[in-house]
C-alpha cells in the first residue's frame, strides 16, 4: 500500500479549515472558483494545472495534488 506524502494531512486540514471558514459547513468538494481563491491564482492557471471538472474537485484529491 503506498504511503501518503508528508504534507498531505497538513494540506487536507488547511483545505477543510478554508472551506469551513467560507461556507460554515463540512464540504468535501471545491469548485474551480474556490481553488482560485485558495491558491490566489487565475481561473486559466487553475484549469491548466489541475484536473477539475464542472462539478469541482474533492478536497482529498486536491490535497494530494498539492503535496
PDB file of N, CA and C in Angstrom:
ATOM      1  N   UNK A   1       0.848  -1.180   0.000  1.00  0.00           N
ATOM      2  CA  UNK A   1       0.000   0.000   0.000  1.00  0.00           C
ATOM      3  C   UNK A   1       0.892   1.240   0.000  1.00  0.00           C
ATOM      4  N   UNK A   2       0.647   2.181  -0.918  1.00  0.00           N
ATOM      5  CA  UNK A   2       1.520   3.353  -0.998  1.00  0.00           C
ATOM      6  C   UNK A   2       1.352   4.268   0.208  1.00  0.00           C
ATOM      7  N   UNK A   3       2.458   4.865   0.568  1.00  0.00           N
ATOM      8  CA  UNK A   3       2.461   5.792   1.686  1.00  0.00           C
ATOM      9  C   UNK A   3       1.995   7.165   1.225  1.00  0.00           C
ATOM     10  N   UNK A   4       1.238   7.848   2.048  1.00  0.00           N
ATOM     11  CA  UNK A   4       0.816   9.202   1.670  1.00  0.00           C
ATOM     12  C   UNK A   4       1.987  10.163   1.850  1.00  0.00           C
ATOM     13  N   UNK A   5       1.983  11.214   1.082  1.00  0.00           N
ATOM     14  CA  UNK A   5       3.065  12.191   1.140  1.00  0.00           C
ATOM     15  C   UNK A   5       3.013  12.936   2.468  1.00  0.00           C
ATOM     16  N   UNK A   6       4.165  13.452   2.882  1.00  0.00           N
ATOM     17  CA  UNK A   6       4.287  14.077   4.201  1.00  0.00           C
ATOM     18  C   UNK A   6       3.328  15.246   4.408  1.00  0.00           C
ATOM     19  N   UNK A   7       3.164  16.070   3.408  1.00  0.00           N
ATOM     20  CA  UNK A   7       2.351  17.285   3.556  1.00  0.00           C
ATOM     21  C   UNK A   7       0.862  17.046   3.326  1.00  0.00           C
ATOM     22  N   UNK A   8       0.468  15.819   2.989  1.00  0.00           N
ATOM     23  CA  UNK A   8      -0.931  15.551   2.643  1.00  0.00           C
ATOM     24  C   UNK A   8      -1.882  15.917   3.778  1.00  0.00           C
ATOM     25  N   UNK A   9      -1.620  15.440   4.980  1.00  0.00           N
ATOM     26  CA  UNK A   9      -2.525  15.706   6.120  1.00  0.00           C
ATOM     27  C   UNK A   9      -2.614  17.196   6.429  1.00  0.00           C
ATOM     28  N   UNK A  10      -1.476  17.883   6.371  1.00  0.00           N
ATOM     29  CA  UNK A  10      -1.480  19.330   6.619  1.00  0.00           C
ATOM     30  C   UNK A  10      -2.309  20.064   5.568  1.00  0.00           C
ATOM     31  N   UNK A  11      -2.133  19.680   4.306  1.00  0.00           N
ATOM     32  CA  UNK A  11      -2.912  20.300   3.226  1.00  0.00           C
ATOM     33  C   UNK A  11      -4.397  20.021   3.390  1.00  0.00           C
ATOM     34  N   UNK A  12      -4.739  18.794   3.756  1.00  0.00           N
ATOM     35  CA  UNK A  12      -6.138  18.421   3.934  1.00  0.00           C
ATOM     36  C   UNK A  12      -6.781  19.239   5.054  1.00  0.00           C
ATOM     37  N   UNK A  13      -6.089  19.385   6.162  1.00  0.00           N
ATOM     38  CA  UNK A  13      -6.622  20.180   7.276  1.00  0.00           C
ATOM     39  C   UNK A  13      -6.766  21.652   6.895  1.00  0.00           C
ATOM     40  N   UNK A  14      -5.806  22.179   6.146  1.00  0.00           N
ATOM     41  CA  UNK A  14      -5.883  23.578   5.707  1.00  0.00           C
ATOM     42  C   UNK A  14      -7.075  23.787   4.773  1.00  0.00           C
ATOM     43  N   UNK A  15      -7.309  22.833   3.883  1.00  0.00           N
ATOM     44  CA  UNK A  15      -8.454  22.934   2.969  1.00  0.00           C
ATOM     45  C   UNK A  15      -9.777  22.837   3.720  1.00  0.00           C
ATOM     46  N   UNK A  16      -9.856  21.930   4.689  1.00  0.00           N
ATOM     47  CA  UNK A  16     -11.075  21.812   5.498  1.00  0.00           C
ATOM     48  C   UNK A  16     -11.345  23.113   6.241  1.00  0.00           C
ATOM     49  N   UNK A  17     -10.303  23.697   6.799  1.00  0.00           N
ATOM     50  CA  UNK A  17     -10.434  24.951   7.533  1.00  0.00           C
ATOM     51  C   UNK A  17     -10.872  26.088   6.602  1.00  0.00           C
ATOM     52  N   UNK A  18     -10.294  26.146   5.415  1.00  0.00           N
ATOM     53  CA  UNK A  18     -10.659  27.173   4.426  1.00  0.00           C
ATOM     54  C   UNK A  18     -12.131  27.066   4.059  1.00  0.00           C
ATOM     55  N   UNK A  19     -12.590  25.864   3.733  1.00  0.00           N
ATOM     56  CA  UNK A  19     -13.987  25.682   3.329  1.00  0.00           C
ATOM     57  C   UNK A  19     -14.948  25.914   4.483  1.00  0.00           C
ATOM     58  N   UNK A  20     -14.554  25.493   5.689  1.00  0.00           N
ATOM     59  CA  UNK A  20     -15.427  25.715   6.844  1.00  0.00           C
ATOM     60  C   UNK A  20     -15.549  27.217   7.132  1.00  0.00           C
ATOM     61  N   UNK A  21     -14.456  27.942   7.001  1.00  0.00           N
ATOM     62  CA  UNK A  21     -14.489  29.387   7.215  1.00  0.00           C
ATOM     63  C   UNK A  21     -15.323  30.114   6.174  1.00  0.00           C
ATOM     64  N   UNK A  22     -15.325  29.598   4.963  1.00  0.00           N
ATOM     65  CA  UNK A  22     -16.055  30.254   3.876  1.00  0.00           C
ATOM     66  C   UNK A  22     -17.537  29.901   3.884  1.00  0.00           C
ATOM     67  N   UNK A  23     -17.864  28.629   4.062  1.00  0.00           N
ATOM     68  CA  UNK A  23     -19.250  28.174   3.932  1.00  0.00           C
ATOM     69  C   UNK A  23     -19.910  27.777   5.252  1.00  0.00           C
ATOM     70  N   UNK A  24     -19.149  27.695   6.314  1.00  0.00           N
ATOM     71  CA  UNK A  24     -19.675  27.332   7.643  1.00  0.00           C
ATOM     72  C   UNK A  24     -20.281  25.923   7.680  1.00  0.00           C
ATOM     73  N   UNK A  25     -19.763  25.027   6.840  1.00  0.00           N
ATOM     74  CA  UNK A  25     -20.181  23.625   6.901  1.00  0.00           C
ATOM     75  C   UNK A  25     -19.006  22.737   6.488  1.00  0.00           C
ATOM     76  N   UNK A  26     -19.223  21.443   6.459  1.00  0.00           N
ATOM     77  CA  UNK A  26     -18.148  20.493   6.180  1.00  0.00           C
ATOM     78  C   UNK A  26     -18.213  19.974   4.748  1.00  0.00           C
ATOM     79  N   UNK A  27     -17.915  20.834   3.802  1.00  0.00           N
ATOM     80  CA  UNK A  27     -17.922  20.425   2.393  1.00  0.00           C
ATOM     81  C   UNK A  27     -16.672  19.618   2.080  1.00  0.00           C
ATOM     82  N   UNK A  28     -16.805  18.745   1.098  1.00  0.00           N
ATOM     83  CA  UNK A  28     -15.663  17.966   0.629  1.00  0.00           C
ATOM     84  C   UNK A  28     -15.465  18.133  -0.865  1.00  0.00           C
ATOM     85  N   UNK A  29     -16.056  19.164  -1.442  1.00  0.00           N
ATOM     86  CA  UNK A  29     -15.930  19.424  -2.868  1.00  0.00           C
ATOM     87  C   UNK A  29     -15.649  20.909  -3.072  1.00  0.00           C
ATOM     88  N   UNK A  30     -14.578  21.204  -3.796  1.00  0.00           N
ATOM     89  CA  UNK A  30     -14.212  22.585  -4.091  1.00  0.00           C
ATOM     90  C   UNK A  30     -14.554  22.889  -5.542  1.00  0.00           C
ATOM     91  N   UNK A  31     -15.161  24.031  -5.769  1.00  0.00           N
ATOM     92  CA  UNK A  31     -15.394  24.482  -7.139  1.00  0.00           C
ATOM     93  C   UNK A  31     -14.091  25.086  -7.662  1.00  0.00           C
ATOM     94  N   UNK A  32     -14.041  25.318  -8.947  1.00  0.00           N
ATOM     95  CA  UNK A  32     -12.838  25.928  -9.515  1.00  0.00           C
ATOM     96  C   UNK A  32     -12.643  27.342  -8.960  1.00  0.00           C
ATOM     97  N   UNK A  33     -13.739  28.020  -8.644  1.00  0.00           N
ATOM     98  CA  UNK A  33     -13.656  29.358  -8.045  1.00  0.00           C
ATOM     99  C   UNK A  33     -13.029  29.281  -6.650  1.00  0.00           C
ATOM    100  N   UNK A  34     -13.403  28.252  -5.872  1.00  0.00           N
ATOM    101  CA  UNK A  34     -12.802  28.052  -4.550  1.00  0.00           C
ATOM    102  C   UNK A  34     -11.300  27.814  -4.662  1.00  0.00           C
ATOM    103  N   UNK A  35     -10.906  27.000  -5.637  1.00  0.00           N
ATOM    104  CA  UNK A  35      -9.487  26.696  -5.836  1.00  0.00           C
ATOM    105  C   UNK A  35      -8.726  27.962  -6.216  1.00  0.00           C
ATOM    106  N   UNK A  36      -9.300  28.773  -7.091  1.00  0.00           N
ATOM    107  CA  UNK A  36      -8.672  30.043  -7.475  1.00  0.00           C
ATOM    108  C   UNK A  36      -8.469  30.936  -6.257  1.00  0.00           C
ATOM    109  N   UNK A  37      -9.487  31.021  -5.432  1.00  0.00           N
ATOM    110  CA  UNK A  37      -9.408  31.853  -4.229  1.00  0.00           C
ATOM    111  C   UNK A  37      -8.379  31.308  -3.244  1.00  0.00           C
ATOM    112  N   UNK A  38      -8.352  29.999  -3.068  1.00  0.00           N
ATOM    113  CA  UNK A  38      -7.416  29.377  -2.132  1.00  0.00           C
ATOM    114  C   UNK A  38      -5.970  29.575  -2.579  1.00  0.00           C
ATOM    115  N   UNK A  39      -5.712  29.383  -3.865  1.00  0.00           N
ATOM    116  CA  UNK A  39      -4.351  29.486  -4.389  1.00  0.00           C
ATOM    117  C   UNK A  39      -3.933  30.913  -4.705  1.00  0.00           C
ATOM    118  N   UNK A  40      -4.926  31.796  -4.896  1.00  0.00           N
ATOM    119  CA  UNK A  40      -4.609  33.152  -5.315  1.00  0.00           C
ATOM    120  C   UNK A  40      -4.143  33.189  -6.761  1.00  0.00           C
ATOM    121  N   UNK A  41      -4.659  32.271  -7.556  1.00  0.00           N
ATOM    122  CA  UNK A  41      -4.282  32.158  -8.974  1.00  0.00           C
ATOM    123  C   UNK A  41      -5.488  32.421  -9.856  1.00  0.00           C
ATOM    124  N   UNK A  42      -5.217  32.645 -11.135  1.00  0.00           N
ATOM    125  CA  UNK A  42      -6.289  32.933 -12.083  1.00  0.00           C
ATOM    126  C   UNK A  42      -7.041  31.665 -12.469  1.00  0.00           C
ATOM    127  N   UNK A  43      -8.215  31.860 -13.023  1.00  0.00           N
ATOM    128  CA  UNK A  43      -9.054  30.761 -13.497  1.00  0.00           C
ATOM    129  C   UNK A  43      -8.312  29.944 -14.552  1.00  0.00           C
ATOM    130  N   UNK A  44      -7.650  30.624 -15.489  1.00  0.00           N
ATOM    131  CA  UNK A  44      -6.925  29.935 -16.563  1.00  0.00           C
ATOM    132  C   UNK A  44      -5.782  29.082 -16.016  1.00  0.00           C
ATOM    133  N   UNK A  45      -5.046  29.608 -15.036  1.00  0.00           N
ATOM    134  CA  UNK A  45      -3.948  28.851 -14.432  1.00  0.00           C
ATOM    135  C   UNK A  45      -4.470  27.574 -13.775  1.00  0.00           C
ATOM    136  N   UNK A  46      -5.532  27.704 -13.021  1.00  0.00           N
ATOM    137  CA  UNK A  46      -6.090  26.550 -12.305  1.00  0.00           C
ATOM    138  C   UNK A  46      -6.605  25.510 -13.291  1.00  0.00           C
ATOM    139  N   UNK A  47      -7.282  25.940 -14.344  1.00  0.00           N
ATOM    140  CA  UNK A  47      -7.770  24.995 -15.353  1.00  0.00           C
ATOM    141  C   UNK A  47      -6.620  24.259 -16.025  1.00  0.00           C
ATOM    142  N   UNK A  48      -5.527  24.947 -16.270  1.00  0.00           N
ATOM    143  CA  UNK A  48      -4.393  24.359 -16.973  1.00  0.00           C
ATOM    144  C   UNK A  48      -3.617  23.372 -16.102  1.00  0.00           C
ATOM    145  N   UNK A  49      -3.453  23.674 -14.815  1.00  0.00           N
ATOM    146  CA  UNK A  49      -2.570  22.882 -13.959  1.00  0.00           C
ATOM    147  C   UNK A  49      -3.266  21.847 -13.075  1.00  0.00           C
ATOM    148  N   UNK A  50      -4.561  21.940 -12.915  1.00  0.00           N
ATOM    149  CA  UNK A  50      -5.289  20.994 -12.064  1.00  0.00           C
ATOM    150  C   UNK A  50      -6.437  20.389 -12.856  1.00  0.00           C
ATOM    151  N   UNK A  51      -6.684  19.126 -12.635  1.00  0.00           N
ATOM    152  CA  UNK A  51      -7.726  18.407 -13.368  1.00  0.00           C
ATOM    153  C   UNK A  51      -9.060  18.585 -12.640  1.00  0.00           C
ATOM    154  N   UNK A  52      -9.762  19.664 -12.968  1.00  0.00           N
ATOM    155  CA  UNK A  52     -11.017  19.976 -12.291  1.00  0.00           C
ATOM    156  C   UNK A  52     -12.140  19.967 -13.316  1.00  0.00           C
ATOM    157  N   UNK A  53     -13.173  19.173 -13.049  1.00  0.00           N
ATOM    158  CA  UNK A  53     -14.307  19.126 -13.977  1.00  0.00           C
ATOM    159  C   UNK A  53     -15.372  20.141 -13.559  1.00  0.00           C
ATOM    160  N   UNK A  54     -16.525  20.096 -14.196  1.00  0.00           N
ATOM    161  CA  UNK A  54     -17.596  21.069 -13.926  1.00  0.00           C
ATOM    162  C   UNK A  54     -18.095  21.004 -12.489  1.00  0.00           C
ATOM    163  N   UNK A  55     -18.110  19.810 -11.915  1.00  0.00           N
ATOM    164  CA  UNK A  55     -18.608  19.644 -10.550  1.00  0.00           C
ATOM    165  C   UNK A  55     -17.620  20.165  -9.515  1.00  0.00           C
ATOM    166  N   UNK A  56     -16.343  20.113  -9.823  1.00  0.00           N
ATOM    167  CA  UNK A  56     -15.316  20.547  -8.893  1.00  0.00           C
ATOM    168  C   UNK A  56     -14.311  19.441  -8.647  1.00  0.00           C
ATOM    169  N   UNK A  57     -13.604  19.543  -7.533  1.00  0.00           N
ATOM    170  CA  UNK A  57     -12.590  18.566  -7.157  1.00  0.00           C
ATOM    171  C   UNK A  57     -12.730  18.296  -5.664  1.00  0.00           C
ATOM    172  N   UNK A  58     -12.570  17.052  -5.270  1.00  0.00           N
ATOM    173  CA  UNK A  58     -12.679  16.731  -3.847  1.00  0.00           C
ATOM    174  C   UNK A  58     -11.463  17.293  -3.117  1.00  0.00           C
ATOM    175  N   UNK A  59     -11.647  17.634  -1.857  1.00  0.00           N
ATOM    176  CA  UNK A  59     -10.527  18.201  -1.110  1.00  0.00           C
ATOM    177  C   UNK A  59      -9.429  17.163  -0.905  1.00  0.00           C
ATOM    178  N   UNK A  60      -9.792  15.891  -0.852  1.00  0.00           N
ATOM    179  CA  UNK A  60      -8.790  14.841  -0.700  1.00  0.00           C
ATOM    180  C   UNK A  60      -7.885  14.773  -1.934  1.00  0.00           C
ATOM    181  N   UNK A  61      -8.491  14.830  -3.108  1.00  0.00           N
ATOM    182  CA  UNK A  61      -7.717  14.804  -4.355  1.00  0.00           C
ATOM    183  C   UNK A  61      -6.875  16.062  -4.491  1.00  0.00           C
ATOM    184  N   UNK A  62      -7.443  17.197  -4.164  1.00  0.00           N
ATOM    185  CA  UNK A  62      -6.711  18.456  -4.276  1.00  0.00           C
ATOM    186  C   UNK A  62      -5.545  18.497  -3.290  1.00  0.00           C
ATOM    187  N   UNK A  63      -5.748  18.001  -2.073  1.00  0.00           N
ATOM    188  CA  UNK A  63      -4.662  17.942  -1.091  1.00  0.00           C
ATOM    189  C   UNK A  63      -3.539  17.044  -1.597  1.00  0.00           C
ATOM    190  N   UNK A  64      -3.893  15.939  -2.229  1.00  0.00           N
ATOM    191  CA  UNK A  64      -2.896  15.029  -2.806  1.00  0.00           C
ATOM    192  C   UNK A  64      -2.121  15.734  -3.915  1.00  0.00           C
ATOM    193  N   UNK A  65      -2.813  16.510  -4.745  1.00  0.00           N
ATOM    194  CA  UNK A  65      -2.149  17.246  -5.826  1.00  0.00           C
ATOM    195  C   UNK A  65      -1.213  18.327  -5.295  1.00  0.00           C
ATOM    196  N   UNK A  66      -1.563  18.934  -4.182  1.00  0.00           N
ATOM    197  CA  UNK A  66      -0.725  19.979  -3.605  1.00  0.00           C
ATOM    198  C   UNK A  66       0.522  19.419  -2.924  1.00  0.00           C
ATOM    199  N   UNK A  67       0.453  18.185  -2.468  1.00  0.00           N
ATOM    200  CA  UNK A  67       1.572  17.576  -1.726  1.00  0.00           C
ATOM    201  C   UNK A  67       2.751  17.270  -2.603  1.00  0.00           C
TER     202      UNK A  67
END
